[in-house]
Amino acid sequence: MRVAAAIVAFIALAALPVIALGHAELVSSDPPAGGTLTTTRGFLTATFDDELTPDSSSLVVQDAGGAQVATGNVSPGDAHVLIAELPALPEGEYTVRWTAVSADDAAVERGSYTFGVLVSIMPPPNDGEPVTDSKDPIIAVGLAAIAMIAIVAFIFFRRRR
C-alpha cells in the first residue's frame, strides 16, 4: 500500500517540472498574419511572449516561389522580438517562417504565417492567429503522467479488494 502511494507521488512530482516549462509563442506580428501591405520598405516584426535566444532564433521571408527575400534575428532593443528589414517587394503573397528558442529553457518553437503585398489573401483558418508547426510535448508528457497515475491507482485499488 505504501509502495503504490510512493509510486503515485513520485510520478506526480516528476511531471510537475515538465509542466512548468515555458515555450516562446508568437503573440503578434507586423504585418499581421493574413494582412496586406501597400508598401514594403520598412521592417517586419514578430513578437513573442518569452525572451528569445539571439544565436538560435530567426525568421525568413519567402516569396510565393519559395525564394528567400529577407531574413531577421532577435531585435537588439527587445529580446521578445524578431525583426527583419524588408526590401521593396513586388505584388504577391509572402510567407514568414520563424524559429523561436526560449532563453530560459532553450525550448524550440517553429511556425509560419503569410501576408500579401498589394493583394488581399485569405487569413489563416484560426481567427487570424499564426499557424504554428510545433507539437507541444508538455501536453503529451502531462497526459502520459495522468495515464500512469490512473493505471497505478487502478492496480492499487484492485489489489486492496
N, C-alpha and C. Protein backbone atom coordinates (compact mmCIF):
# COMPACT_ATOMS: atom_id res chain seq x y z
N MET A 1 0.83 -1.19 0.00
CA MET A 1 0.00 0.00 0.00
C MET A 1 0.88 1.25 0.00
N ARG A 2 1.89 1.29 0.84
CA ARG A 2 2.77 2.45 0.88
C ARG A 2 3.62 2.55 -0.39
N VAL A 3 3.98 1.40 -0.94
CA VAL A 3 4.77 1.39 -2.16
C VAL A 3 3.97 2.02 -3.31
N ALA A 4 2.72 1.65 -3.44
CA ALA A 4 1.88 2.20 -4.50
C ALA A 4 1.69 3.70 -4.31
N ALA A 5 1.48 4.14 -3.10
CA ALA A 5 1.32 5.57 -2.82
C ALA A 5 2.61 6.32 -3.15
N ALA A 6 3.76 5.71 -2.84
CA ALA A 6 5.04 6.35 -3.15
C ALA A 6 5.23 6.44 -4.66
N ILE A 7 4.82 5.42 -5.39
CA ILE A 7 4.94 5.45 -6.85
C ILE A 7 4.08 6.56 -7.44
N VAL A 8 2.84 6.66 -6.97
CA VAL A 8 1.94 7.70 -7.46
C VAL A 8 2.52 9.08 -7.15
N ALA A 9 3.03 9.28 -5.95
CA ALA A 9 3.61 10.58 -5.57
C ALA A 9 4.84 10.89 -6.41
N PHE A 10 5.67 9.91 -6.64
CA PHE A 10 6.88 10.12 -7.46
C PHE A 10 6.51 10.52 -8.89
N ILE A 11 5.56 9.85 -9.49
CA ILE A 11 5.15 10.18 -10.86
C ILE A 11 4.57 11.58 -10.92
N ALA A 12 3.74 11.93 -9.96
CA ALA A 12 3.14 13.27 -9.94
C ALA A 12 4.21 14.34 -9.78
N LEU A 13 5.15 14.13 -8.89
CA LEU A 13 6.21 15.11 -8.67
C LEU A 13 7.16 15.19 -9.87
N ALA A 14 7.40 14.08 -10.52
CA ALA A 14 8.29 14.09 -11.69
C ALA A 14 7.67 14.85 -12.85
N ALA A 15 6.36 14.85 -12.94
CA ALA A 15 5.68 15.54 -14.04
C ALA A 15 5.60 17.05 -13.83
N LEU A 16 5.66 17.52 -12.61
CA LEU A 16 5.50 18.95 -12.34
C LEU A 16 6.53 19.84 -13.01
N PRO A 17 7.83 19.56 -12.94
CA PRO A 17 8.77 20.45 -13.61
C PRO A 17 8.57 20.52 -15.12
N VAL A 18 8.17 19.43 -15.73
CA VAL A 18 7.95 19.41 -17.17
C VAL A 18 6.75 20.28 -17.52
N ILE A 19 5.70 20.24 -16.72
CA ILE A 19 4.51 21.02 -16.98
C ILE A 19 4.81 22.51 -16.81
N ALA A 20 5.75 22.89 -15.97
CA ALA A 20 6.05 24.29 -15.70
C ALA A 20 6.92 24.95 -16.77
N LEU A 21 7.53 24.17 -17.65
CA LEU A 21 8.39 24.75 -18.67
C LEU A 21 7.59 25.61 -19.63
N GLY A 22 8.18 26.73 -20.05
CA GLY A 22 7.50 27.62 -20.98
C GLY A 22 8.13 27.57 -22.35
N HIS A 23 7.36 27.93 -23.33
CA HIS A 23 7.82 27.99 -24.70
C HIS A 23 7.47 29.36 -25.25
N ALA A 24 8.30 29.88 -26.10
CA ALA A 24 8.03 31.17 -26.72
C ALA A 24 6.94 31.01 -27.76
N GLU A 25 5.84 31.68 -27.57
CA GLU A 25 4.72 31.63 -28.51
C GLU A 25 4.60 32.98 -29.20
N LEU A 26 4.31 32.97 -30.48
CA LEU A 26 4.10 34.19 -31.24
C LEU A 26 2.80 34.84 -30.79
N VAL A 27 2.87 36.11 -30.37
CA VAL A 27 1.67 36.80 -29.90
C VAL A 27 1.19 37.86 -30.88
N SER A 28 2.08 38.41 -31.69
CA SER A 28 1.65 39.38 -32.69
C SER A 28 2.73 39.53 -33.75
N SER A 29 2.33 40.11 -34.88
CA SER A 29 3.30 40.36 -35.95
C SER A 29 2.86 41.59 -36.73
N ASP A 30 3.84 42.21 -37.38
CA ASP A 30 3.58 43.36 -38.22
C ASP A 30 4.42 43.20 -39.48
N PRO A 31 3.85 42.90 -40.62
CA PRO A 31 2.41 42.86 -40.86
C PRO A 31 1.77 41.65 -40.18
N PRO A 32 0.48 41.76 -39.88
CA PRO A 32 -0.19 40.64 -39.21
C PRO A 32 -0.40 39.45 -40.14
N ALA A 33 -0.61 38.30 -39.55
CA ALA A 33 -0.91 37.10 -40.34
C ALA A 33 -2.16 37.37 -41.17
N GLY A 34 -2.07 37.14 -42.46
CA GLY A 34 -3.19 37.37 -43.35
C GLY A 34 -3.35 38.83 -43.76
N GLY A 35 -2.47 39.70 -43.30
CA GLY A 35 -2.56 41.12 -43.61
C GLY A 35 -2.07 41.45 -45.00
N THR A 36 -2.32 42.69 -45.39
CA THR A 36 -1.90 43.15 -46.71
C THR A 36 -1.15 44.46 -46.56
N LEU A 37 0.00 44.54 -47.19
CA LEU A 37 0.81 45.76 -47.20
C LEU A 37 0.63 46.48 -48.53
N THR A 38 0.66 47.81 -48.47
CA THR A 38 0.64 48.59 -49.71
C THR A 38 2.04 49.08 -50.06
N THR A 39 2.93 49.08 -49.08
CA THR A 39 4.33 49.43 -49.30
C THR A 39 5.18 48.48 -48.45
N THR A 40 6.36 48.16 -48.92
CA THR A 40 7.16 47.18 -48.16
C THR A 40 8.49 47.70 -47.68
N ARG A 41 8.80 48.93 -47.95
CA ARG A 41 10.06 49.43 -47.39
C ARG A 41 9.84 49.65 -45.91
N GLY A 42 10.62 49.00 -45.09
CA GLY A 42 10.46 49.09 -43.64
C GLY A 42 10.88 47.80 -42.98
N PHE A 43 10.23 47.52 -41.84
CA PHE A 43 10.61 46.36 -41.06
C PHE A 43 9.42 45.44 -40.82
N LEU A 44 9.71 44.15 -40.77
CA LEU A 44 8.75 43.13 -40.37
C LEU A 44 9.13 42.74 -38.95
N THR A 45 8.14 42.65 -38.05
CA THR A 45 8.42 42.23 -36.68
C THR A 45 7.50 41.08 -36.27
N ALA A 46 8.02 40.22 -35.44
CA ALA A 46 7.26 39.11 -34.85
C ALA A 46 7.55 39.14 -33.35
N THR A 47 6.51 39.34 -32.55
CA THR A 47 6.66 39.49 -31.11
C THR A 47 6.23 38.22 -30.39
N PHE A 48 7.05 37.79 -29.42
CA PHE A 48 6.81 36.55 -28.68
C PHE A 48 6.57 36.84 -27.21
N ASP A 49 5.98 35.87 -26.50
CA ASP A 49 5.66 36.05 -25.09
C ASP A 49 6.80 35.67 -24.15
N ASP A 50 7.96 35.34 -24.69
CA ASP A 50 9.10 34.94 -23.88
C ASP A 50 10.36 35.52 -24.52
N GLU A 51 11.39 35.72 -23.71
CA GLU A 51 12.66 36.18 -24.25
C GLU A 51 13.25 35.10 -25.14
N LEU A 52 13.89 35.54 -26.23
CA LEU A 52 14.44 34.62 -27.21
C LEU A 52 15.96 34.58 -27.13
N THR A 53 16.53 33.45 -27.52
CA THR A 53 17.97 33.29 -27.59
C THR A 53 18.45 33.89 -28.91
N PRO A 54 19.27 34.95 -28.86
CA PRO A 54 19.69 35.62 -30.10
C PRO A 54 20.44 34.73 -31.09
N ASP A 55 21.25 33.81 -30.62
CA ASP A 55 22.05 32.97 -31.52
C ASP A 55 21.24 31.91 -32.25
N SER A 56 20.05 31.58 -31.73
CA SER A 56 19.30 30.46 -32.30
C SER A 56 17.96 30.85 -32.91
N SER A 57 17.44 32.01 -32.57
CA SER A 57 16.12 32.43 -33.05
C SER A 57 16.29 33.24 -34.34
N SER A 58 15.37 33.02 -35.28
CA SER A 58 15.48 33.73 -36.56
C SER A 58 14.17 33.66 -37.32
N LEU A 59 14.10 34.43 -38.39
CA LEU A 59 12.97 34.33 -39.30
C LEU A 59 13.46 34.52 -40.73
N VAL A 60 12.67 33.97 -41.65
CA VAL A 60 12.96 34.06 -43.08
C VAL A 60 11.66 34.45 -43.77
N VAL A 61 11.74 35.39 -44.70
CA VAL A 61 10.60 35.78 -45.52
C VAL A 61 10.84 35.21 -46.92
N GLN A 62 9.83 34.49 -47.44
CA GLN A 62 9.94 33.86 -48.75
C GLN A 62 8.81 34.33 -49.65
N ASP A 63 9.10 34.43 -50.94
CA ASP A 63 8.05 34.77 -51.89
C ASP A 63 7.25 33.51 -52.22
N ALA A 64 6.25 33.65 -53.08
CA ALA A 64 5.37 32.52 -53.42
C ALA A 64 6.12 31.36 -54.05
N GLY A 65 7.25 31.65 -54.68
CA GLY A 65 8.04 30.58 -55.28
C GLY A 65 9.03 29.93 -54.33
N GLY A 66 9.07 30.41 -53.08
CA GLY A 66 9.98 29.84 -52.08
C GLY A 66 11.33 30.52 -52.01
N ALA A 67 11.55 31.55 -52.82
CA ALA A 67 12.83 32.25 -52.78
C ALA A 67 12.90 33.16 -51.55
N GLN A 68 14.03 33.16 -50.90
CA GLN A 68 14.24 33.98 -49.70
C GLN A 68 14.39 35.45 -50.12
N VAL A 69 13.57 36.33 -49.51
CA VAL A 69 13.65 37.75 -49.84
C VAL A 69 14.13 38.60 -48.67
N ALA A 70 14.09 38.05 -47.45
CA ALA A 70 14.59 38.77 -46.27
C ALA A 70 14.83 37.77 -45.15
N THR A 71 15.74 38.13 -44.25
CA THR A 71 15.98 37.33 -43.05
C THR A 71 16.01 38.26 -41.85
N GLY A 72 15.79 37.69 -40.68
CA GLY A 72 15.81 38.51 -39.48
C GLY A 72 16.29 37.74 -38.28
N ASN A 73 16.61 38.48 -37.23
CA ASN A 73 17.09 37.93 -35.97
C ASN A 73 16.42 38.65 -34.81
N VAL A 74 16.86 38.34 -33.60
CA VAL A 74 16.32 38.98 -32.41
C VAL A 74 16.70 40.46 -32.45
N SER A 75 15.73 41.30 -32.14
CA SER A 75 15.93 42.75 -32.13
C SER A 75 16.94 43.12 -31.04
N PRO A 76 17.88 44.00 -31.33
CA PRO A 76 18.84 44.42 -30.30
C PRO A 76 18.17 45.16 -29.15
N GLY A 77 17.02 45.77 -29.41
CA GLY A 77 16.34 46.54 -28.37
C GLY A 77 15.31 45.78 -27.56
N ASP A 78 14.91 44.58 -28.01
CA ASP A 78 13.86 43.83 -27.31
C ASP A 78 14.03 42.35 -27.61
N ALA A 79 14.39 41.57 -26.60
CA ALA A 79 14.65 40.14 -26.78
C ALA A 79 13.38 39.32 -27.01
N HIS A 80 12.21 39.96 -27.02
CA HIS A 80 10.95 39.28 -27.32
C HIS A 80 10.58 39.39 -28.80
N VAL A 81 11.39 40.13 -29.57
CA VAL A 81 11.01 40.47 -30.94
C VAL A 81 12.04 39.96 -31.96
N LEU A 82 11.53 39.31 -33.02
CA LEU A 82 12.34 39.02 -34.20
C LEU A 82 12.05 40.12 -35.20
N ILE A 83 13.08 40.64 -35.85
CA ILE A 83 12.92 41.76 -36.77
C ILE A 83 13.71 41.51 -38.05
N ALA A 84 13.12 41.93 -39.18
CA ALA A 84 13.79 41.81 -40.49
C ALA A 84 13.52 43.07 -41.29
N GLU A 85 14.53 43.56 -41.97
CA GLU A 85 14.34 44.70 -42.87
C GLU A 85 13.82 44.17 -44.20
N LEU A 86 12.70 44.76 -44.64
CA LEU A 86 12.10 44.32 -45.89
C LEU A 86 12.59 45.19 -47.05
N PRO A 87 12.98 44.58 -48.15
CA PRO A 87 13.29 45.35 -49.36
C PRO A 87 11.98 45.72 -50.04
N ALA A 88 12.05 46.45 -51.12
CA ALA A 88 10.86 46.69 -51.94
C ALA A 88 10.42 45.34 -52.52
N LEU A 89 9.21 44.94 -52.21
CA LEU A 89 8.71 43.64 -52.66
C LEU A 89 7.66 43.82 -53.74
N PRO A 90 7.69 43.01 -54.77
CA PRO A 90 6.64 43.07 -55.79
C PRO A 90 5.33 42.52 -55.23
N GLU A 91 4.25 42.83 -55.92
CA GLU A 91 2.94 42.35 -55.53
C GLU A 91 2.95 40.82 -55.45
N GLY A 92 2.32 40.30 -54.41
CA GLY A 92 2.23 38.85 -54.27
C GLY A 92 2.02 38.43 -52.82
N GLU A 93 2.12 37.14 -52.63
CA GLU A 93 1.96 36.54 -51.30
C GLU A 93 3.33 36.13 -50.78
N TYR A 94 3.55 36.36 -49.48
CA TYR A 94 4.83 36.06 -48.84
C TYR A 94 4.59 35.23 -47.58
N THR A 95 5.55 34.37 -47.30
CA THR A 95 5.47 33.51 -46.11
C THR A 95 6.62 33.86 -45.17
N VAL A 96 6.27 34.01 -43.90
CA VAL A 96 7.27 34.24 -42.86
C VAL A 96 7.41 32.92 -42.10
N ARG A 97 8.61 32.38 -42.09
CA ARG A 97 8.91 31.15 -41.33
C ARG A 97 9.84 31.56 -40.19
N TRP A 98 9.42 31.22 -38.97
CA TRP A 98 10.21 31.64 -37.80
C TRP A 98 10.59 30.46 -36.92
N THR A 99 11.71 30.64 -36.24
CA THR A 99 12.19 29.70 -35.23
C THR A 99 12.46 30.52 -33.98
N ALA A 100 11.80 30.17 -32.89
CA ALA A 100 11.96 30.89 -31.63
C ALA A 100 12.50 29.93 -30.58
N VAL A 101 13.65 30.27 -30.00
CA VAL A 101 14.26 29.45 -28.96
C VAL A 101 14.19 30.25 -27.66
N SER A 102 13.46 29.71 -26.68
CA SER A 102 13.29 30.40 -25.40
C SER A 102 14.63 30.55 -24.69
N ALA A 103 14.86 31.74 -24.15
CA ALA A 103 16.10 31.99 -23.44
C ALA A 103 16.15 31.24 -22.11
N ASP A 104 15.00 31.00 -21.48
CA ASP A 104 15.01 30.38 -20.15
C ASP A 104 15.21 28.87 -20.16
N ASP A 105 14.70 28.18 -21.20
CA ASP A 105 14.82 26.71 -21.18
C ASP A 105 15.23 26.12 -22.54
N ALA A 106 15.58 26.96 -23.49
CA ALA A 106 16.03 26.54 -24.83
C ALA A 106 15.00 25.71 -25.58
N ALA A 107 13.71 25.85 -25.22
CA ALA A 107 12.65 25.16 -25.95
C ALA A 107 12.51 25.79 -27.34
N VAL A 108 12.37 24.95 -28.35
CA VAL A 108 12.30 25.41 -29.74
C VAL A 108 10.86 25.36 -30.23
N GLU A 109 10.40 26.46 -30.78
CA GLU A 109 9.09 26.53 -31.43
C GLU A 109 9.32 27.02 -32.85
N ARG A 110 8.55 26.48 -33.78
CA ARG A 110 8.64 26.91 -35.17
C ARG A 110 7.23 27.16 -35.68
N GLY A 111 7.13 28.08 -36.62
CA GLY A 111 5.83 28.35 -37.19
C GLY A 111 5.96 29.19 -38.44
N SER A 112 4.83 29.50 -39.04
CA SER A 112 4.82 30.33 -40.23
C SER A 112 3.48 31.03 -40.34
N TYR A 113 3.48 32.10 -41.12
CA TYR A 113 2.26 32.79 -41.47
C TYR A 113 2.48 33.51 -42.79
N THR A 114 1.40 33.94 -43.41
CA THR A 114 1.51 34.61 -44.70
C THR A 114 0.97 36.03 -44.62
N PHE A 115 1.46 36.87 -45.51
CA PHE A 115 0.92 38.21 -45.70
C PHE A 115 1.00 38.53 -47.18
N GLY A 116 0.26 39.53 -47.62
CA GLY A 116 0.26 39.90 -49.02
C GLY A 116 0.79 41.30 -49.23
N VAL A 117 1.28 41.54 -50.41
CA VAL A 117 1.70 42.88 -50.82
C VAL A 117 0.78 43.30 -51.96
N LEU A 118 -0.01 44.36 -51.70
CA LEU A 118 -0.95 44.93 -52.68
C LEU A 118 -1.99 43.95 -53.17
N VAL A 119 -2.09 42.79 -52.53
CA VAL A 119 -3.14 41.83 -52.86
C VAL A 119 -3.74 41.35 -51.55
N SER A 120 -4.99 41.04 -51.59
CA SER A 120 -5.65 40.53 -50.40
C SER A 120 -5.55 39.01 -50.40
N ILE A 121 -5.18 38.44 -49.28
CA ILE A 121 -5.10 36.99 -49.17
C ILE A 121 -6.02 36.52 -48.07
N MET A 122 -6.34 35.27 -48.10
CA MET A 122 -7.21 34.70 -47.08
C MET A 122 -6.45 34.59 -45.76
N PRO A 123 -7.09 35.02 -44.64
CA PRO A 123 -6.42 34.88 -43.35
C PRO A 123 -6.35 33.41 -42.94
N PRO A 124 -5.45 33.10 -41.99
CA PRO A 124 -5.36 31.71 -41.52
C PRO A 124 -6.71 31.25 -40.97
N PRO A 125 -6.96 29.96 -40.97
CA PRO A 125 -8.26 29.44 -40.56
C PRO A 125 -8.57 29.60 -39.08
N ASN A 126 -7.63 30.01 -38.26
CA ASN A 126 -7.86 30.08 -36.82
C ASN A 126 -7.93 31.53 -36.34
N ASP A 127 -8.88 32.29 -36.89
CA ASP A 127 -9.18 33.65 -36.46
C ASP A 127 -7.99 34.59 -36.49
N GLY A 128 -7.17 34.51 -37.50
CA GLY A 128 -6.07 35.45 -37.65
C GLY A 128 -4.82 35.12 -36.88
N GLU A 129 -4.84 34.06 -36.11
CA GLU A 129 -3.65 33.66 -35.36
C GLU A 129 -2.70 32.94 -36.30
N PRO A 130 -1.40 33.15 -36.14
CA PRO A 130 -0.44 32.45 -36.98
C PRO A 130 -0.53 30.93 -36.79
N VAL A 131 -0.23 30.22 -37.84
CA VAL A 131 -0.22 28.76 -37.76
C VAL A 131 1.15 28.33 -37.27
N THR A 132 1.20 27.52 -36.24
CA THR A 132 2.48 27.05 -35.74
C THR A 132 2.65 25.59 -36.09
N ASP A 133 3.89 25.21 -36.30
CA ASP A 133 4.20 23.84 -36.66
C ASP A 133 4.57 22.98 -35.46
N SER A 134 4.65 23.59 -34.28
CA SER A 134 5.17 22.86 -33.13
C SER A 134 4.12 21.91 -32.57
N LYS A 135 4.59 20.83 -32.06
CA LYS A 135 3.76 19.88 -31.32
C LYS A 135 4.20 20.01 -29.87
N ASP A 136 3.33 20.49 -29.03
CA ASP A 136 3.73 20.80 -27.67
C ASP A 136 3.94 19.52 -26.87
N PRO A 137 5.20 19.20 -26.55
CA PRO A 137 5.48 17.97 -25.81
C PRO A 137 4.99 18.02 -24.37
N ILE A 138 4.77 19.19 -23.83
CA ILE A 138 4.31 19.30 -22.44
C ILE A 138 2.95 18.65 -22.29
N ILE A 139 2.06 18.88 -23.25
CA ILE A 139 0.74 18.28 -23.17
C ILE A 139 0.85 16.76 -23.21
N ALA A 140 1.68 16.24 -24.09
CA ALA A 140 1.85 14.80 -24.20
C ALA A 140 2.42 14.21 -22.91
N VAL A 141 3.42 14.87 -22.33
CA VAL A 141 4.01 14.36 -21.09
C VAL A 141 3.00 14.43 -19.96
N GLY A 142 2.26 15.54 -19.90
CA GLY A 142 1.24 15.68 -18.85
C GLY A 142 0.18 14.60 -18.95
N LEU A 143 -0.30 14.35 -20.18
CA LEU A 143 -1.31 13.29 -20.37
C LEU A 143 -0.74 11.91 -20.04
N ALA A 144 0.53 11.69 -20.40
CA ALA A 144 1.16 10.40 -20.07
C ALA A 144 1.27 10.24 -18.55
N ALA A 145 1.62 11.32 -17.85
CA ALA A 145 1.72 11.24 -16.39
C ALA A 145 0.37 10.94 -15.77
N ILE A 146 -0.67 11.59 -16.27
CA ILE A 146 -2.03 11.34 -15.75
C ILE A 146 -2.43 9.89 -16.00
N ALA A 147 -2.13 9.39 -17.21
CA ALA A 147 -2.46 8.00 -17.53
C ALA A 147 -1.72 7.04 -16.61
N MET A 148 -0.43 7.31 -16.34
CA MET A 148 0.35 6.43 -15.46
C MET A 148 -0.22 6.48 -14.04
N ILE A 149 -0.60 7.64 -13.57
CA ILE A 149 -1.19 7.76 -12.23
C ILE A 149 -2.48 6.96 -12.16
N ALA A 150 -3.30 7.06 -13.21
CA ALA A 150 -4.56 6.32 -13.23
C ALA A 150 -4.33 4.81 -13.22
N ILE A 151 -3.35 4.34 -13.96
CA ILE A 151 -3.04 2.91 -14.00
C ILE A 151 -2.56 2.43 -12.64
N VAL A 152 -1.65 3.18 -12.02
CA VAL A 152 -1.14 2.79 -10.70
C VAL A 152 -2.28 2.80 -9.68
N ALA A 153 -3.14 3.82 -9.73
CA ALA A 153 -4.27 3.88 -8.79
C ALA A 153 -5.21 2.71 -9.01
N PHE A 154 -5.48 2.34 -10.27
CA PHE A 154 -6.34 1.22 -10.57
C PHE A 154 -5.77 -0.08 -10.00
N ILE A 155 -4.47 -0.30 -10.23
CA ILE A 155 -3.81 -1.51 -9.71
C ILE A 155 -3.85 -1.50 -8.18
N PHE A 156 -3.56 -0.38 -7.58
CA PHE A 156 -3.55 -0.28 -6.12
C PHE A 156 -4.91 -0.60 -5.53
N PHE A 157 -5.97 0.01 -6.06
CA PHE A 157 -7.30 -0.22 -5.51
C PHE A 157 -7.83 -1.60 -5.85
N ARG A 158 -7.42 -2.19 -6.93
CA ARG A 158 -7.84 -3.54 -7.29
C ARG A 158 -7.23 -4.57 -6.34
N ARG A 159 -5.95 -4.37 -5.97
CA ARG A 159 -5.30 -5.30 -5.04
C ARG A 159 -5.85 -5.16 -3.65
N ARG A 160 -6.37 -4.01 -3.31
CA ARG A 160 -6.92 -3.76 -1.96
C ARG A 160 -8.15 -4.60 -1.69
N ARG A 161 -8.90 -4.93 -2.72
CA ARG A 161 -10.14 -5.70 -2.54
C ARG A 161 -9.86 -7.05 -2.10
